[in-house]
Amino acid sequence: MKKLNVALVGLGFGGAFAKIYKVHPNVESLTLFDTDDDRMKAVYDNISETDGAALNCASSFGEITENPQIDAVHIVTPIPYHADQSVAVLKAGKHCACTVPMATSVEDIEHICEAKRASGRNYMMMETTLYTYQYHYVSAMKASGELGRIQFMRGSHYQDMERWPWYWLGLPPMWYGTHAIAPMVGLSDSRISRVSCIGSGTMNPEYSKQYGNPYPVESAHFVFANGMTGEATRSLFETARVYQEGLFVYGSKSSFEWGFADDDAPYITTLVQSDLARRGGSTPVKQIELPNYYENLPQELHPFTVGGNFDPLNPQESLKKGAGGGHHGSHPHLVHEFVMSCVEERPPAIDEHMSANITAAGLIAHTSAMNGGEWMDVPEF
């Protein structure tokens, strides 16, 4: 099959993807770039002896966009740069993957979509929550009919961003609401069409200066085009809550609820219909150990689904345990989907339309919060 020449830009969090690209069987070469030369050297040295794609370093972002040999670029840079860099990559005639969020304004989302259409290349937002053990499991419950009809969904993302890099300070929570919103969009088979959001709490005035955002917490209600509804809550500052990227799906037959902390086992509740002698039904609850959905990946990527828990001497046993891989095992799935969508010349699962809807719903949610919870339309892209 065809092989790609890929560039990976931004090696802080992006460094977690470097070795995955290096060993992917459809990657011919991997070019690394980071503005921190020491970081770039450290990532290069860490994977240089690994078998797989040829490895290079670039001296600038411009060198990557101007290199006709590079087919695809994965952007993992600070949030304020996502839109301009995505547009630059697409205008250079290259496939573009970008970490979340897609952009920080509806106008910039439109610019990315326009650049994608003009280039004919792929755009994919690398949303981790759409490839976690948890999302795979709920998707299987839905496909098998175990959930029944989805009656309601809820997403959450609680995180303290104190002392993170400058661009996080005071960020509107729903601007980075994609982890809470994306799974609902994916399971809805639809798009978010309307949103109402309220902001909550008070925040250090110093934190509000950069973006004019007064809220450490925002909570939104979403209406989907097919009539389904959901809600999401996002906290960023001065809120005492253990980290969680949660997904809660309530069905007519059974429900899936994330554990209290991010790595806790989820709960499955089953509705047992009542007999004629009783009012209501019973709802037995159990916690489950999540399986690892590695089977649809090439063998070279299997170890990344479990990260440090992978045992090369006993691979099948260690792969049964759904724990350890980056963002709940999602990283290799994201890389594989992006690479194969380019190789197979098809849209990626998280294409520009889905990416835009997920991101815009969060951006417009914050605007709603700044307008007292006013219901607002989410445009189609």
Protein backbone atom coordinates (compact mmCIF):
# COMPACT_ATOMS: atom_id res chain seq x y z
CA MET A 1 0.00 0.00 0.00
CA LYS A 2 0.93 3.62 -0.40
CA LYS A 3 3.12 5.14 2.32
CA LEU A 4 3.06 8.70 3.67
CA ASN A 5 5.74 11.17 4.57
CA VAL A 6 4.46 12.75 7.80
CA ALA A 7 5.56 15.78 9.83
CA LEU A 8 4.82 16.11 13.55
CA VAL A 9 4.82 19.73 14.76
CA GLY A 10 4.95 20.45 18.50
CA LEU A 11 6.63 17.82 20.62
CA GLY A 12 5.44 18.56 24.15
CA PHE A 13 2.23 16.56 24.19
CA GLY A 14 2.95 15.80 20.54
CA GLY A 15 5.97 13.75 21.52
CA ALA A 16 3.56 11.03 22.67
CA PHE A 17 2.66 10.40 19.02
CA ALA A 18 6.19 10.33 17.59
CA LYS A 19 6.97 6.67 18.11
CA ILE A 20 3.50 5.63 16.92
CA TYR A 21 4.12 7.32 13.57
CA LYS A 22 7.65 5.92 13.47
CA VAL A 23 6.45 2.31 13.57
CA HIS A 24 3.22 2.68 11.56
CA PRO A 25 3.56 0.38 8.53
CA ASN A 26 2.15 3.03 6.16
CA VAL A 27 4.53 5.82 7.17
CA GLU A 28 7.64 6.14 5.00
CA SER A 29 9.29 9.03 6.85
CA LEU A 30 8.66 11.16 9.93
CA THR A 31 9.88 14.75 10.23
CA LEU A 32 9.94 16.31 13.70
CA PHE A 33 9.74 20.00 14.55
CA ASP A 34 9.57 21.98 17.77
CA THR A 35 10.71 25.52 18.54
CA ASP A 36 12.57 24.06 21.54
CA ASP A 37 15.67 22.45 20.02
CA ASP A 38 16.45 20.49 23.18
CA ARG A 39 12.98 18.97 23.25
CA MET A 40 13.21 18.08 19.57
CA LYS A 41 16.59 16.41 20.10
CA ALA A 42 15.26 14.47 23.09
CA VAL A 43 12.31 13.09 21.10
CA TYR A 44 14.58 12.28 18.14
CA ASP A 45 17.08 10.45 20.34
CA ASN A 46 14.30 8.55 22.10
CA ILE A 47 12.93 7.00 18.90
CA SER A 48 15.87 7.08 16.48
CA GLU A 49 16.87 3.47 17.15
CA THR A 50 13.31 2.19 16.70
CA ASP A 51 12.67 0.28 13.49
CA GLY A 52 10.31 1.84 11.02
CA ALA A 53 10.06 5.13 9.15
CA ALA A 54 13.05 7.27 8.27
CA LEU A 55 13.49 10.08 10.79
CA ASN A 56 14.30 13.74 10.14
CA CYS A 57 14.16 17.11 11.88
CA ALA A 58 13.05 20.45 10.44
CA SER A 59 14.36 23.88 11.39
CA SER A 60 11.06 25.75 11.02
CA PHE A 61 7.34 25.34 10.38
CA GLY A 62 7.83 27.02 7.02
CA GLU A 63 10.38 24.40 6.03
CA ILE A 64 7.66 21.77 6.53
CA THR A 65 4.92 23.54 4.56
CA GLU A 66 7.36 24.28 1.72
CA ASN A 67 8.72 20.74 1.50
CA PRO A 68 7.01 19.02 -1.46
CA GLN A 69 8.02 15.59 -0.13
CA ILE A 70 5.87 15.90 3.01
CA ASP A 71 2.34 14.59 2.48
CA ALA A 72 0.69 15.14 5.87
CA VAL A 73 1.22 17.27 8.98
CA HIS A 74 0.02 16.62 12.54
CA ILE A 75 -0.16 19.91 14.50
CA VAL A 76 0.22 19.71 18.31
CA THR A 77 0.98 23.36 19.08
CA PRO A 78 -0.57 25.94 21.46
CA ILE A 79 -4.29 26.57 20.95
CA PRO A 80 -3.93 30.13 19.50
CA TYR A 81 -1.88 28.76 16.56
CA HIS A 82 -4.20 25.94 15.48
CA ALA A 83 -6.28 27.83 12.92
CA ASP A 84 -3.51 29.67 11.09
CA GLN A 85 -1.25 26.63 11.00
CA SER A 86 -4.04 24.34 9.81
CA VAL A 87 -4.88 26.76 6.99
CA ALA A 88 -1.18 27.02 6.05
CA VAL A 89 -0.82 23.22 5.89
CA LEU A 90 -3.95 22.79 3.75
CA LYS A 91 -2.99 25.66 1.42
CA ALA A 92 0.38 23.96 0.96
CA GLY A 93 -1.50 20.96 -0.43
CA LYS A 94 -0.91 18.68 2.54
CA HIS A 95 -3.26 16.62 4.69
CA CYS A 96 -3.76 18.18 8.12
CA ALA A 97 -4.40 16.67 11.54
CA CYS A 98 -4.67 19.03 14.49
CA THR A 99 -5.06 18.59 18.22
CA VAL A 100 -8.14 20.10 19.87
CA PRO A 101 -9.78 22.54 19.61
CA MET A 102 -10.04 23.16 15.87
CA ALA A 103 -10.02 26.96 16.39
CA THR A 104 -11.12 29.64 18.84
CA SER A 105 -13.59 31.48 16.61
CA VAL A 106 -16.35 30.52 14.21
CA GLU A 107 -14.65 32.63 11.54
CA ASP A 108 -11.45 30.62 11.83
CA ILE A 109 -13.41 27.36 11.61
CA GLU A 110 -14.85 28.66 8.34
CA HIS A 111 -11.34 29.51 7.09
CA ILE A 112 -10.15 25.96 7.78
CA CYS A 113 -13.16 24.45 6.02
CA GLU A 114 -12.63 26.73 3.01
CA ALA A 115 -8.93 25.80 2.85
CA LYS A 116 -9.81 22.12 3.11
CA ARG A 117 -12.31 22.34 0.25
CA ALA A 118 -9.89 24.29 -1.94
CA SER A 119 -7.00 21.89 -1.31
CA GLY A 120 -8.89 18.63 -1.67
CA ARG A 121 -6.79 17.27 1.21
CA ASN A 122 -8.00 15.77 4.48
CA TYR A 123 -8.56 17.63 7.73
CA MET A 124 -8.95 15.69 10.99
CA MET A 125 -9.28 17.03 14.52
CA MET A 126 -7.45 14.56 16.77
CA GLU A 127 -10.16 14.19 19.42
CA THR A 128 -8.98 11.55 21.90
CA THR A 129 -12.37 10.86 23.50
CA LEU A 130 -13.73 9.34 20.28
CA TYR A 131 -11.22 6.46 20.52
CA THR A 132 -11.07 5.67 24.23
CA TYR A 133 -11.84 2.26 25.75
CA GLN A 134 -14.99 3.87 27.15
CA TYR A 135 -16.23 5.25 23.85
CA HIS A 136 -15.51 1.96 22.05
CA TYR A 137 -17.52 0.14 24.72
CA VAL A 138 -20.55 2.45 24.57
CA SER A 139 -20.49 2.35 20.77
CA ALA A 140 -20.62 -1.46 20.94
CA MET A 141 -23.53 -1.27 23.42
CA LYS A 142 -25.38 1.01 21.00
CA ALA A 143 -24.65 -1.15 17.94
CA SER A 144 -25.79 -4.35 19.66
CA GLY A 145 -29.01 -2.80 20.93
CA GLU A 146 -27.97 -3.19 24.56
CA LEU A 147 -28.58 0.52 25.24
CA GLY A 148 -31.99 0.50 23.59
CA ARG A 149 -33.00 4.03 22.59
CA ILE A 150 -30.61 6.72 23.80
CA GLN A 151 -32.73 8.98 25.98
CA PHE A 152 -30.14 11.47 27.19
CA MET A 153 -26.37 12.04 27.25
CA ARG A 154 -24.01 13.98 29.44
CA GLY A 155 -20.35 14.90 29.10
CA SER A 156 -17.92 16.31 31.64
CA HIS A 157 -14.36 17.54 31.75
CA TYR A 158 -13.05 18.67 35.11
CA GLN A 159 -9.44 19.86 35.20
CA ASP A 160 -7.35 22.41 37.08
CA MET A 161 -5.24 24.43 34.61
CA GLU A 162 -3.43 26.51 37.25
CA ARG A 163 0.16 27.33 36.17
CA TRP A 164 -0.26 25.80 32.72
CA PRO A 165 1.31 27.71 29.76
CA TRP A 166 0.23 31.31 29.22
CA TYR A 167 -2.53 30.69 26.68
CA TRP A 168 -4.56 28.63 29.17
CA LEU A 169 -4.87 31.41 31.75
CA GLY A 170 -8.54 32.43 31.93
CA LEU A 171 -9.53 30.39 28.87
CA PRO A 172 -13.34 30.15 28.53
CA PRO A 173 -14.11 26.58 29.67
CA MET A 174 -16.28 25.68 26.68
CA TRP A 175 -13.64 26.85 24.20
CA TYR A 176 -11.90 23.65 25.27
CA GLY A 177 -15.08 21.66 25.73
CA THR A 178 -14.42 19.17 22.94
CA HIS A 179 -13.63 16.24 25.27
CA ALA A 180 -17.05 16.60 26.90
CA ILE A 181 -18.95 17.35 23.68
CA ALA A 182 -17.40 15.04 21.06
CA PRO A 183 -18.63 11.67 22.38
CA MET A 184 -22.21 12.94 22.41
CA VAL A 185 -21.92 14.10 18.80
CA GLY A 186 -20.40 10.78 17.80
CA LEU A 187 -23.15 8.73 19.44
CA SER A 188 -25.99 10.96 18.26
CA ASP A 189 -25.60 10.20 14.52
CA SER A 190 -26.44 13.87 14.15
CA ARG A 191 -25.03 17.34 14.74
CA ILE A 192 -25.58 19.91 17.48
CA SER A 193 -27.98 22.57 16.16
CA ARG A 194 -28.70 24.73 19.25
CA VAL A 195 -27.06 25.46 22.58
CA SER A 196 -27.79 27.29 25.82
CA CYS A 197 -25.04 27.70 28.42
CA ILE A 198 -24.62 29.31 31.82
CA GLY A 199 -21.39 30.32 33.50
CA SER A 200 -20.87 29.68 37.18
CA GLY A 201 -18.59 30.72 40.00
CA THR A 202 -16.15 33.56 40.49
CA MET A 203 -12.55 33.72 39.39
CA ASN A 204 -9.42 35.65 40.26
CA PRO A 205 -9.77 38.91 38.26
CA GLU A 206 -6.21 38.48 36.98
CA TYR A 207 -7.31 35.31 35.21
CA SER A 208 -10.09 37.15 33.37
CA LYS A 209 -7.90 39.72 31.66
CA GLN A 210 -6.64 37.65 28.71
CA TYR A 211 -9.99 36.51 27.29
CA GLY A 212 -12.53 38.58 29.23
CA ASN A 213 -13.97 35.38 30.69
CA PRO A 214 -15.36 35.65 34.24
CA TYR A 215 -16.32 31.98 34.67
CA PRO A 216 -14.25 29.07 36.00
CA VAL A 217 -17.12 26.67 35.18
CA GLU A 218 -19.58 26.51 32.29
CA SER A 219 -22.51 24.12 31.84
CA ALA A 220 -24.39 23.78 28.56
CA HIS A 221 -27.50 22.12 27.14
CA PHE A 222 -27.35 20.95 23.54
CA VAL A 223 -30.12 20.12 21.07
CA PHE A 224 -29.19 17.88 18.15
CA ALA A 225 -30.69 18.17 14.68
CA ASN A 226 -32.39 14.78 15.12
CA GLY A 227 -34.10 15.90 18.34
CA MET A 228 -31.74 14.22 20.80
CA THR A 229 -30.49 16.31 23.74
CA GLY A 230 -27.48 16.37 26.03
CA GLU A 231 -25.57 18.48 28.51
CA ALA A 232 -21.91 19.09 29.30
CA THR A 233 -20.03 20.71 32.17
CA ARG A 234 -16.47 22.01 31.93
CA SER A 235 -14.31 23.44 34.73
CA LEU A 236 -10.85 24.97 34.35
CA PHE A 237 -9.92 26.99 37.43
CA GLU A 238 -10.49 27.29 41.17
CA THR A 239 -12.87 24.33 41.38
CA ALA A 240 -12.01 21.42 43.69
CA ARG A 241 -12.87 18.34 41.66
CA VAL A 242 -10.75 15.32 40.73
CA TYR A 243 -9.84 15.08 37.02
CA GLN A 244 -12.41 13.44 34.78
CA GLU A 245 -13.22 13.34 31.07
CA GLY A 246 -16.61 11.77 31.60
CA LEU A 247 -19.24 10.23 29.34
CA PHE A 248 -22.72 9.30 30.58
CA VAL A 249 -25.24 7.67 28.24
CA TYR A 250 -28.75 6.84 29.45
CA GLY A 251 -30.70 4.35 27.35
CA SER A 252 -34.13 2.78 27.49
CA LYS A 253 -32.62 -0.64 28.27
CA SER A 254 -29.30 0.14 29.95
CA SER A 255 -26.99 3.03 30.75
CA PHE A 256 -23.25 3.69 30.85
CA GLU A 257 -21.74 6.02 33.47
CA TRP A 258 -18.09 6.98 33.85
CA GLY A 259 -16.48 6.28 37.21
CA PHE A 260 -15.96 9.13 39.66
CA ALA A 261 -12.28 9.67 38.83
CA ASP A 262 -10.92 9.48 35.31
CA ASP A 263 -9.47 5.97 35.61
CA ASP A 264 -12.25 4.46 37.73
CA ALA A 265 -14.23 1.55 36.31
CA PRO A 266 -17.53 2.62 34.71
CA TYR A 267 -21.00 1.60 35.86
CA ILE A 268 -23.56 -0.26 33.76
CA THR A 269 -27.19 -0.01 34.90
CA THR A 270 -29.82 -2.32 33.41
CA LEU A 271 -33.55 -1.67 33.44
CA VAL A 272 -35.53 -4.82 34.31
CA GLN A 273 -39.19 -4.45 33.40
CA SER A 274 -41.65 -4.83 36.26
CA ASP A 275 -44.17 -7.63 36.45
CA LEU A 276 -47.87 -6.86 36.81
CA ALA A 277 -47.73 -6.92 40.61
CA ARG A 278 -45.14 -4.18 41.07
CA ARG A 279 -44.79 -0.52 40.28
CA GLY A 280 -41.70 0.32 38.24
CA GLY A 281 -38.78 -1.93 37.45
CA SER A 282 -35.51 -2.79 39.13
CA THR A 283 -32.17 -1.35 38.08
CA PRO A 284 -29.24 -3.65 38.91
CA VAL A 285 -25.84 -1.93 38.69
CA LYS A 286 -22.40 -3.38 38.08
CA GLN A 287 -18.92 -2.02 37.51
CA ILE A 288 -17.07 -3.50 34.55
CA GLU A 289 -13.47 -3.91 33.41
CA LEU A 290 -13.18 -2.36 29.97
CA PRO A 291 -11.72 -4.41 27.12
CA ASN A 292 -8.95 -3.15 24.88
CA TYR A 293 -10.07 -2.63 21.28
CA TYR A 294 -6.70 -3.20 19.66
CA GLU A 295 -7.81 -5.72 17.03
CA ASN A 296 -8.56 -3.13 14.32
CA LEU A 297 -5.02 -1.72 14.49
CA PRO A 298 -1.92 -3.04 12.72
CA GLN A 299 0.13 -5.25 14.99
CA GLU A 300 2.91 -2.67 15.22
CA LEU A 301 0.54 -0.32 17.08
CA HIS A 302 -0.91 -2.80 19.57
CA PRO A 303 1.58 -1.96 22.39
CA PHE A 304 0.55 1.70 22.38
CA THR A 305 -3.01 0.83 23.44
CA VAL A 306 -1.68 -0.25 26.84
CA GLY A 307 1.45 1.91 27.06
CA GLY A 308 3.85 0.91 29.82
CA ASN A 309 1.71 -2.09 30.74
CA PHE A 310 2.57 -3.90 27.50
CA ASP A 311 4.51 -7.13 28.06
CA PRO A 312 6.33 -8.20 24.86
CA LEU A 313 6.90 -11.64 26.38
CA ASN A 314 3.19 -12.13 26.97
CA PRO A 315 1.52 -9.74 24.50
CA GLN A 316 -1.95 -11.25 24.26
CA GLU A 317 -2.42 -11.31 28.00
CA SER A 318 -1.26 -7.73 28.50
CA LEU A 319 -3.43 -6.52 25.60
CA LYS A 320 -6.53 -7.87 27.31
CA LYS A 321 -6.12 -5.25 30.03
CA GLY A 322 -7.67 -1.95 29.06
CA ALA A 323 -5.35 0.40 30.92
CA GLY A 324 -2.20 2.42 30.39
CA GLY A 325 -2.25 3.80 26.84
CA GLY A 326 -2.34 7.55 26.24
CA HIS A 327 -5.79 9.05 26.88
CA HIS A 328 -7.34 5.63 27.55
CA GLY A 329 -5.67 3.90 24.62
CA SER A 330 -6.79 6.43 22.00
CA HIS A 331 -3.47 7.67 20.58
CA PRO A 332 -2.70 4.79 18.19
CA HIS A 333 -6.30 4.77 16.94
CA LEU A 334 -6.08 8.47 16.09
CA VAL A 335 -2.78 8.05 14.23
CA HIS A 336 -4.04 5.01 12.35
CA GLU A 337 -7.28 6.68 11.27
CA PHE A 338 -5.48 9.81 10.06
CA VAL A 339 -2.80 7.86 8.16
CA MET A 340 -5.22 5.41 6.56
CA SER A 341 -7.73 8.08 5.56
CA CYS A 342 -4.92 9.75 3.60
CA VAL A 343 -3.59 6.49 2.15
CA GLU A 344 -7.07 5.28 1.16
CA GLU A 345 -8.07 8.73 -0.12
CA ARG A 346 -11.26 8.91 1.94
CA PRO A 347 -12.56 11.36 4.56
CA PRO A 348 -11.36 10.64 8.10
CA ALA A 349 -13.89 9.60 10.73
CA ILE A 350 -13.50 13.00 12.41
CA ASP A 351 -13.65 15.12 9.27
CA GLU A 352 -13.88 18.90 9.00
CA HIS A 353 -17.70 18.87 9.36
CA MET A 354 -17.70 16.87 12.59
CA SER A 355 -14.67 18.77 13.92
CA ALA A 356 -16.36 22.09 13.19
CA ASN A 357 -19.63 21.10 14.86
CA ILE A 358 -17.91 19.87 18.03
CA THR A 359 -15.72 22.97 18.29
CA ALA A 360 -18.33 25.54 17.29
CA ALA A 361 -20.84 24.14 19.77
CA GLY A 362 -18.37 24.93 22.55
CA LEU A 363 -17.46 28.37 21.23
CA ILE A 364 -21.12 29.38 20.88
CA ALA A 365 -21.87 27.89 24.30
CA HIS A 366 -19.47 30.41 25.85
CA THR A 367 -21.11 33.23 23.89
CA SER A 368 -24.45 32.04 25.27
CA ALA A 369 -23.04 32.10 28.81
CA MET A 370 -21.88 35.67 28.30
CA ASN A 371 -25.47 36.48 27.26
CA GLY A 372 -27.23 35.00 30.25
CA GLY A 373 -27.86 31.53 28.78
CA GLU A 374 -29.56 32.71 25.57
CA TRP A 375 -30.40 29.88 23.18
CA MET A 376 -28.19 30.15 20.08
CA ASP A 377 -27.97 28.34 16.76
CA VAL A 378 -24.86 26.42 15.80
CA PRO A 379 -24.14 26.96 12.09
CA GLU A 380 -23.51 24.22 9.58
CA PHE A 381 -20.12 24.23 7.92
